[in-house]
Amino acid sequence: MSYFKGILFSFLMLYSSTFGAIFLLIPLIPLVFFQPKVGRQMMDQMIWIWQIYAVFLVEKLCGVRVVITGEPVGCEDSTIILMNHRTRFDWLFIFSYILRHGPLRRFKISMKDILKYVPGPGWAMQCAGYLFLQRKLEADQKIILRCLTYFRKLGYKPQILFFPEGTDLTANTKARSNKFAEKYKLEPYEYVLHPRTAGFSFLVEKMREIITLDSILDVSIGYPENIPQNEMDILKGKFPRQVHFHVQAHSGSELPQDREGVERWCQECWERKERQLREYYMGPKLFSDKPIQTCVRDEQEVEHLFRFACLFWTVFEICVVVFLIYAPMLRWFSLFSIITYVLISKYGGIDVLLDSEASDLCK
């Protein structure tokens, strides 16, 4: 049964994201270029419906229960969300938190550059306006600057998920992190990796300068059991029964004004996170016994959104099969869409081409 759930979940995620990009997002790309605000709103709306569907599959099909404790930030804030990177799928599970406590339409993720080239899902992520980072400081600074400039032109206040560790926690990455700690006479970590603070400090500086930085959300993610480390774990149906989030809001004004001070703040944040996660995994595997009292959407509204998203994507997925079989024009359109995505990706991706002024600024 676990294998069936894993395969079905993976199929539905890939199928919906791929054909959603081909049939629903490709027609909006010209609008995003020529009417940026309207196009971005429509693009975000379609991606929002898919993100709700992803949460539905995680929670209802795979049986994952999300436990949230702590203090969230304001829904309208321009925010950097800092989170430890325990597995490759932390970004997927945090959709459950953002759906209930944040602006899912304005939620953006920083992730590895190579993921934008994955056929299907990568195309959809390009359309979503995610930040694809190369883990090279100079190149990443240009990417961050371009994206923030684009958001400013739209009058957009994003909530950006940022992983200072740069990669997920494995035996190999932990060994490299501790080797780095030994070199610089830092404490070795067991439950987190040492953060890359230069990228974070640059993001803070430019958020303040280009848009605004209302708040920082410090998120600790914990898995009581069944940690899905990679794609094979998902295919095998190795889903966690619960995913725990502990959130702590900080005003943007709390952070130091200089880069060195921001980097120290991030390092101290990770020291606290290491202690917090040590207590979590060595104790009863609870961050707190006091759940968040207020939320943007209550569970009744979340259930309504689940039903809507499930109906929308089920009808869409059935229609795709029928039309691809019986409508030759749709087959030609899908081929046109695929070629368009491949060509655009060859020249950097939709995210790079979205705003020529921002791209020129970063050269």
Protein backbone atom coordinates (compact mmCIF):
# COMPACT_ATOMS: atom_id res chain seq x y z
CA MET A 1 0.00 0.00 0.00
CA SER A 2 2.87 2.40 0.77
CA TYR A 3 4.41 1.80 -2.65
CA PHE A 4 1.05 2.46 -4.33
CA LYS A 5 0.65 5.76 -2.45
CA GLY A 6 4.18 6.82 -3.34
CA ILE A 7 3.82 6.01 -7.03
CA LEU A 8 0.35 7.59 -7.27
CA PHE A 9 1.50 10.72 -5.44
CA SER A 10 4.56 11.10 -7.68
CA PHE A 11 2.51 10.51 -10.83
CA LEU A 12 -0.19 13.05 -9.92
CA MET A 13 2.38 15.69 -8.92
CA LEU A 14 4.37 15.26 -12.15
CA TYR A 15 1.30 14.92 -14.37
CA SER A 16 -0.49 17.97 -13.00
CA SER A 17 2.58 20.23 -12.92
CA THR A 18 3.77 19.21 -16.40
CA PHE A 19 0.47 19.55 -18.24
CA GLY A 20 -0.47 22.56 -16.13
CA ALA A 21 2.67 24.26 -17.41
CA ILE A 22 1.93 23.15 -21.00
CA PHE A 23 -1.75 24.11 -21.23
CA LEU A 24 -2.47 26.62 -18.44
CA LEU A 25 0.72 28.63 -17.95
CA ILE A 26 2.13 28.94 -21.48
CA PRO A 27 -0.81 31.11 -22.67
CA LEU A 28 -0.14 33.53 -19.80
CA ILE A 29 3.53 34.14 -20.63
CA PRO A 30 2.83 36.88 -23.26
CA LEU A 31 0.49 38.59 -20.78
CA VAL A 32 3.21 38.53 -18.10
CA PHE A 33 5.52 40.32 -20.55
CA PHE A 34 3.09 42.94 -21.90
CA GLN A 35 0.83 43.45 -18.85
CA PRO A 36 3.19 42.46 -16.02
CA LYS A 37 0.91 43.09 -13.04
CA VAL A 38 -2.18 41.42 -14.52
CA GLY A 39 -0.12 38.58 -15.97
CA ARG A 40 1.68 37.97 -12.68
CA GLN A 41 -1.62 37.91 -10.79
CA MET A 42 -3.12 35.37 -13.19
CA MET A 43 0.05 33.26 -13.19
CA ASP A 44 0.18 33.28 -9.39
CA GLN A 45 -3.51 32.33 -9.25
CA MET A 46 -2.98 29.21 -11.38
CA ILE A 47 0.11 28.21 -9.40
CA TRP A 48 -1.82 28.84 -6.15
CA ILE A 49 -4.47 26.30 -7.19
CA TRP A 50 -1.74 23.75 -7.92
CA GLN A 51 -0.02 24.39 -4.58
CA ILE A 52 -3.31 23.74 -2.76
CA TYR A 53 -3.60 20.50 -4.76
CA ALA A 54 -0.08 19.55 -3.66
CA VAL A 55 -1.03 20.12 -0.01
CA PHE A 56 -4.19 18.06 -0.56
CA LEU A 57 -2.14 15.14 -1.93
CA VAL A 58 0.39 15.35 0.91
CA GLU A 59 -2.19 15.51 3.69
CA LYS A 60 -5.13 13.48 2.34
CA LEU A 61 -3.56 10.93 0.00
CA CYS A 62 -0.32 10.40 1.91
CA GLY A 63 -1.74 10.95 5.40
CA VAL A 64 0.80 13.54 6.56
CA ARG A 65 -0.35 15.57 9.57
CA VAL A 66 1.21 18.99 10.07
CA VAL A 67 1.78 20.36 13.59
CA ILE A 68 2.53 24.10 13.83
CA THR A 69 3.67 25.93 16.95
CA GLY A 70 5.16 29.34 17.68
CA GLU A 71 4.51 32.86 16.46
CA PRO A 72 3.83 33.57 12.75
CA VAL A 73 4.50 36.78 10.84
CA GLY A 74 1.84 39.03 9.35
CA CYS A 75 0.22 37.79 6.16
CA GLU A 76 0.85 41.08 4.34
CA ASP A 77 4.51 41.32 5.36
CA SER A 78 7.45 41.27 3.00
CA THR A 79 9.34 38.43 4.64
CA ILE A 80 12.40 36.21 4.45
CA ILE A 81 11.61 32.73 5.77
CA LEU A 82 14.70 30.97 7.15
CA MET A 83 14.48 27.21 7.61
CA ASN A 84 16.84 24.33 8.30
CA HIS A 85 17.11 22.01 5.29
CA ARG A 86 16.53 18.52 6.67
CA THR A 87 15.41 16.79 3.45
CA ARG A 88 14.96 17.58 -0.22
CA PHE A 89 11.22 17.96 0.35
CA ASP A 90 11.10 20.56 3.12
CA TRP A 91 9.86 23.11 0.55
CA LEU A 92 6.89 20.86 -0.26
CA PHE A 93 5.81 20.31 3.33
CA ILE A 94 6.00 24.01 4.21
CA PHE A 95 3.16 24.64 1.73
CA SER A 96 0.90 23.31 4.51
CA TYR A 97 2.09 26.04 6.86
CA ILE A 98 1.86 28.84 4.28
CA LEU A 99 -1.65 27.76 3.22
CA ARG A 100 -2.89 28.26 6.79
CA HIS A 101 -0.74 31.15 7.98
CA GLY A 102 0.63 33.03 4.99
CA PRO A 103 0.07 34.40 1.48
CA LEU A 104 0.51 31.29 -0.67
CA ARG A 105 0.14 33.34 -3.87
CA ARG A 106 3.17 35.49 -2.93
CA PHE A 107 5.26 32.62 -1.57
CA LYS A 108 8.56 32.20 -3.43
CA ILE A 109 11.27 29.58 -2.93
CA SER A 110 15.02 29.75 -3.39
CA MET A 111 16.32 26.49 -4.82
CA LYS A 112 19.18 24.99 -6.80
CA ASP A 113 19.54 26.33 -10.33
CA ILE A 114 19.55 22.85 -11.89
CA LEU A 115 15.92 22.26 -10.87
CA LYS A 116 14.61 24.88 -13.31
CA TYR A 117 15.69 22.62 -16.19
CA VAL A 118 13.66 19.58 -15.06
CA PRO A 119 11.10 19.05 -17.86
CA GLY A 120 7.58 19.80 -16.65
CA PRO A 121 7.91 20.77 -12.99
CA GLY A 122 10.94 22.95 -13.72
CA TRP A 123 8.98 24.91 -16.32
CA ALA A 124 6.20 25.54 -13.80
CA MET A 125 8.73 26.69 -11.19
CA GLN A 126 10.22 29.15 -13.70
CA CYS A 127 6.73 30.59 -14.26
CA ALA A 128 6.23 30.83 -10.49
CA GLY A 129 9.09 33.34 -10.22
CA TYR A 130 11.24 31.25 -7.88
CA LEU A 131 14.86 32.19 -7.16
CA PHE A 132 17.21 29.66 -8.76
CA LEU A 133 20.61 29.99 -7.10
CA GLN A 134 23.93 28.55 -8.28
CA ARG A 135 25.70 28.54 -4.89
CA LYS A 136 28.26 30.95 -6.36
CA LEU A 137 28.10 34.22 -4.47
CA GLU A 138 28.70 36.66 -7.33
CA ALA A 139 26.24 34.90 -9.66
CA ASP A 140 23.64 34.53 -6.92
CA GLN A 141 23.87 38.21 -6.03
CA LYS A 142 22.90 39.09 -9.60
CA ILE A 143 19.99 36.64 -9.50
CA ILE A 144 18.71 38.02 -6.19
CA LEU A 145 19.05 41.59 -7.43
CA ARG A 146 17.17 40.83 -10.65
CA CYS A 147 14.32 39.05 -8.88
CA LEU A 148 13.87 41.76 -6.24
CA THR A 149 13.89 44.46 -8.92
CA TYR A 150 11.17 42.54 -10.77
CA PHE A 151 9.06 42.29 -7.61
CA ARG A 152 9.47 46.03 -6.98
CA LYS A 153 8.19 46.88 -10.46
CA LEU A 154 5.07 44.86 -9.71
CA GLY A 155 4.53 46.50 -6.32
CA TYR A 156 4.92 42.98 -4.93
CA LYS A 157 5.68 42.01 -1.32
CA PRO A 158 7.02 38.43 -1.49
CA GLN A 159 7.60 35.93 1.28
CA ILE A 160 10.82 34.19 0.24
CA LEU A 161 11.85 30.80 1.61
CA PHE A 162 15.64 30.84 1.95
CA PHE A 163 17.87 27.93 3.01
CA PRO A 164 21.16 29.37 4.37
CA GLU A 165 22.64 25.86 4.57
CA GLY A 166 22.50 25.58 0.78
CA THR A 167 21.71 21.86 0.72
CA ASP A 168 19.90 19.18 2.70
CA LEU A 169 21.32 17.36 5.71
CA THR A 170 22.98 14.03 4.84
CA ALA A 171 26.00 12.15 6.15
CA ASN A 172 28.17 13.64 3.37
CA THR A 173 26.98 17.23 3.76
CA LYS A 174 27.31 17.02 7.53
CA ALA A 175 30.90 15.79 7.18
CA ARG A 176 31.71 18.73 4.88
CA SER A 177 30.01 21.14 7.27
CA ASN A 178 31.95 19.86 10.25
CA LYS A 179 35.20 20.00 8.28
CA PHE A 180 34.40 23.66 7.62
CA ALA A 181 33.70 24.12 11.36
CA GLU A 182 37.03 22.55 12.27
CA LYS A 183 38.87 24.82 9.85
CA TYR A 184 37.33 27.97 11.33
CA LYS A 185 37.27 26.71 14.94
CA LEU A 186 33.48 26.52 15.13
CA GLU A 187 31.31 24.07 17.01
CA PRO A 188 30.43 20.96 14.94
CA TYR A 189 26.70 20.49 14.38
CA GLU A 190 24.66 17.29 14.47
CA TYR A 191 21.17 18.44 13.45
CA VAL A 192 21.90 21.35 11.10
CA LEU A 193 24.64 22.43 8.71
CA HIS A 194 26.69 25.56 9.17
CA PRO A 195 24.89 28.35 7.26
CA ARG A 196 26.30 30.23 4.29
CA THR A 197 25.81 33.69 5.71
CA ALA A 198 27.05 35.87 2.84
CA GLY A 199 24.07 35.11 0.60
CA PHE A 200 21.62 35.73 3.43
CA SER A 201 23.18 39.06 4.38
CA PHE A 202 23.06 40.18 0.74
CA LEU A 203 19.38 39.21 0.49
CA VAL A 204 18.59 41.16 3.67
CA GLU A 205 20.47 44.22 2.43
CA LYS A 206 18.76 44.26 -0.98
CA MET A 207 15.30 43.48 0.42
CA ARG A 208 15.67 46.57 2.61
CA GLU A 209 17.00 48.66 -0.26
CA ILE A 210 14.76 47.57 -3.15
CA ILE A 211 11.43 46.49 -1.61
CA THR A 212 11.17 46.49 2.17
CA LEU A 213 11.92 43.92 4.85
CA ASP A 214 9.03 43.82 7.28
CA SER A 215 9.97 40.61 9.06
CA ILE A 216 12.10 37.49 9.30
CA LEU A 217 10.44 34.16 10.05
CA ASP A 218 12.73 31.62 11.71
CA VAL A 219 11.33 28.14 11.00
CA SER A 220 12.56 24.87 12.47
CA ILE A 221 11.26 21.73 10.76
CA GLY A 222 11.31 18.36 12.50
CA TYR A 223 10.29 14.84 11.47
CA PRO A 224 9.31 12.56 14.37
CA GLU A 225 9.66 9.48 12.14
CA ASN A 226 9.96 8.38 8.51
CA ILE A 227 12.22 11.09 7.14
CA PRO A 228 11.86 11.15 3.31
CA GLN A 229 15.42 12.08 2.37
CA ASN A 230 15.20 11.77 -1.41
CA GLU A 231 13.01 10.95 -4.41
CA MET A 232 13.28 7.17 -3.96
CA ASP A 233 11.86 7.47 -0.44
CA ILE A 234 8.83 9.29 -1.89
CA LEU A 235 8.37 6.65 -4.61
CA LYS A 236 8.47 3.96 -1.94
CA GLY A 237 5.77 5.79 0.01
CA LYS A 238 8.05 6.62 2.94
CA PHE A 239 6.03 9.62 4.06
CA PRO A 240 6.26 11.05 7.57
CA ARG A 241 3.15 10.60 9.68
CA GLN A 242 3.72 14.08 11.04
CA VAL A 243 5.81 17.11 10.12
CA HIS A 244 6.44 19.63 12.89
CA PHE A 245 7.07 23.34 12.31
CA HIS A 246 8.10 25.78 15.02
CA VAL A 247 8.02 29.38 13.83
CA GLN A 248 9.41 32.50 15.44
CA ALA A 249 8.76 35.96 13.99
CA HIS A 250 11.34 38.76 14.11
CA SER A 251 10.80 42.32 12.99
CA GLY A 252 13.05 43.37 10.13
CA SER A 253 14.29 46.22 12.32
CA GLU A 254 15.67 43.70 14.85
CA LEU A 255 18.46 42.71 12.48
CA PRO A 256 21.70 44.71 12.47
CA GLN A 257 22.16 47.25 9.69
CA ASP A 258 25.61 46.10 8.57
CA ARG A 259 26.47 42.90 6.67
CA GLU A 260 28.81 41.56 9.33
CA GLY A 261 26.15 42.02 11.98
CA VAL A 262 23.54 40.23 9.86
CA GLU A 263 25.95 37.34 9.29
CA ARG A 264 26.56 37.03 13.04
CA TRP A 265 22.80 37.13 13.64
CA CYS A 266 22.34 34.24 11.21
CA GLN A 267 25.12 32.22 12.86
CA GLU A 268 23.58 32.79 16.30
CA CYS A 269 20.19 31.80 14.91
CA TRP A 270 21.67 28.49 13.73
CA GLU A 271 23.33 27.90 17.09
CA ARG A 272 19.89 28.22 18.71
CA LYS A 273 18.38 26.00 16.05
CA GLU A 274 20.97 23.28 16.71
CA ARG A 275 20.14 23.33 20.44
CA GLN A 276 16.41 23.38 19.72
CA LEU A 277 16.59 20.41 17.34
CA ARG A 278 18.84 18.47 19.71
CA GLU A 279 16.21 18.85 22.44
CA TYR A 280 13.51 17.93 19.92
CA TYR A 281 15.08 14.68 18.68
CA MET A 282 16.43 13.59 22.07
CA GLY A 283 13.17 14.43 23.85
CA PRO A 284 9.48 13.72 23.13
CA LYS A 285 9.84 15.08 19.56
CA LEU A 286 7.70 18.13 20.16
CA PHE A 287 8.78 21.74 19.76
CA SER A 288 5.98 22.97 22.01
CA ASP A 289 2.64 21.80 23.36
CA LYS A 290 1.03 25.14 22.50
CA PRO A 291 -0.22 25.36 18.89
CA ILE A 292 -0.61 28.68 17.12
CA GLN A 293 -3.89 30.26 18.20
CA THR A 294 -4.53 32.50 15.19
CA CYS A 295 -4.40 31.62 11.51
CA VAL A 296 -5.29 33.19 8.18
CA ARG A 297 -7.46 30.21 7.21
CA ASP A 298 -9.19 27.87 9.62
CA GLU A 299 -9.48 24.14 8.91
CA GLN A 300 -12.99 24.46 7.51
CA GLU A 301 -11.80 26.91 4.86
CA VAL A 302 -8.78 24.70 4.14
CA GLU A 303 -11.13 21.74 3.54
CA HIS A 304 -13.18 23.85 1.10
CA LEU A 305 -10.00 24.76 -0.77
CA PHE A 306 -8.98 21.10 -0.87
CA ARG A 307 -12.29 20.13 -2.47
CA PHE A 308 -12.03 22.93 -5.02
CA ALA A 309 -8.41 22.13 -5.97
CA CYS A 310 -9.10 18.38 -6.14
CA LEU A 311 -12.12 18.92 -8.41
CA PHE A 312 -10.25 21.41 -10.62
CA TRP A 313 -7.20 19.22 -11.18
CA THR A 314 -9.14 15.96 -11.51
CA VAL A 315 -11.31 17.46 -14.26
CA PHE A 316 -8.23 19.00 -15.87
CA GLU A 317 -6.28 15.72 -15.82
CA ILE A 318 -9.17 13.81 -17.38
CA CYS A 319 -9.67 16.49 -20.04
CA VAL A 320 -5.97 16.38 -20.95
CA VAL A 321 -6.17 12.65 -21.68
CA VAL A 322 -9.38 12.99 -23.71
CA PHE A 323 -8.22 15.99 -25.74
CA LEU A 324 -4.77 14.54 -26.46
CA ILE A 325 -6.47 11.44 -27.86
CA TYR A 326 -9.27 13.10 -29.85
CA ALA A 327 -8.05 16.64 -30.61
CA PRO A 328 -5.02 16.80 -32.94
CA MET A 329 -4.76 20.58 -32.47
CA LEU A 330 -4.14 20.05 -28.75
CA ARG A 331 -1.32 17.64 -29.56
CA TRP A 332 0.26 20.27 -31.80
CA PHE A 333 -0.24 22.91 -29.11
CA SER A 334 1.44 20.70 -26.50
CA LEU A 335 4.38 20.16 -28.87
CA PHE A 336 4.59 23.93 -29.44
CA SER A 337 4.56 24.52 -25.67
CA ILE A 338 7.31 21.98 -25.03
CA ILE A 339 9.52 23.48 -27.75
CA THR A 340 8.88 26.97 -26.34
CA TYR A 341 9.90 25.93 -22.83
CA VAL A 342 13.02 24.13 -24.10
CA LEU A 343 14.13 27.15 -26.13
CA ILE A 344 13.44 29.64 -23.35
CA SER A 345 15.26 27.40 -20.85
CA LYS A 346 18.24 27.29 -23.20
CA TYR A 347 18.52 31.07 -22.86
CA GLY A 348 18.24 31.12 -19.08
CA GLY A 349 14.58 30.45 -18.41
CA ILE A 350 11.34 32.39 -18.11
CA ASP A 351 12.46 33.80 -14.77
CA VAL A 352 15.45 35.45 -16.48
CA LEU A 353 13.45 36.84 -19.40
CA LEU A 354 10.54 38.18 -17.35
CA ASP A 355 12.02 41.62 -16.83
CA SER A 356 14.51 43.06 -19.28
CA GLU A 357 15.14 46.17 -17.16
CA ALA A 358 16.04 44.04 -14.14
CA SER A 359 18.26 41.84 -16.29
CA ASP A 360 20.07 44.89 -17.70
CA LEU A 361 20.57 46.23 -14.17
CA CYS A 362 22.33 43.03 -13.14
CA LYS A 363 24.82 42.87 -16.02
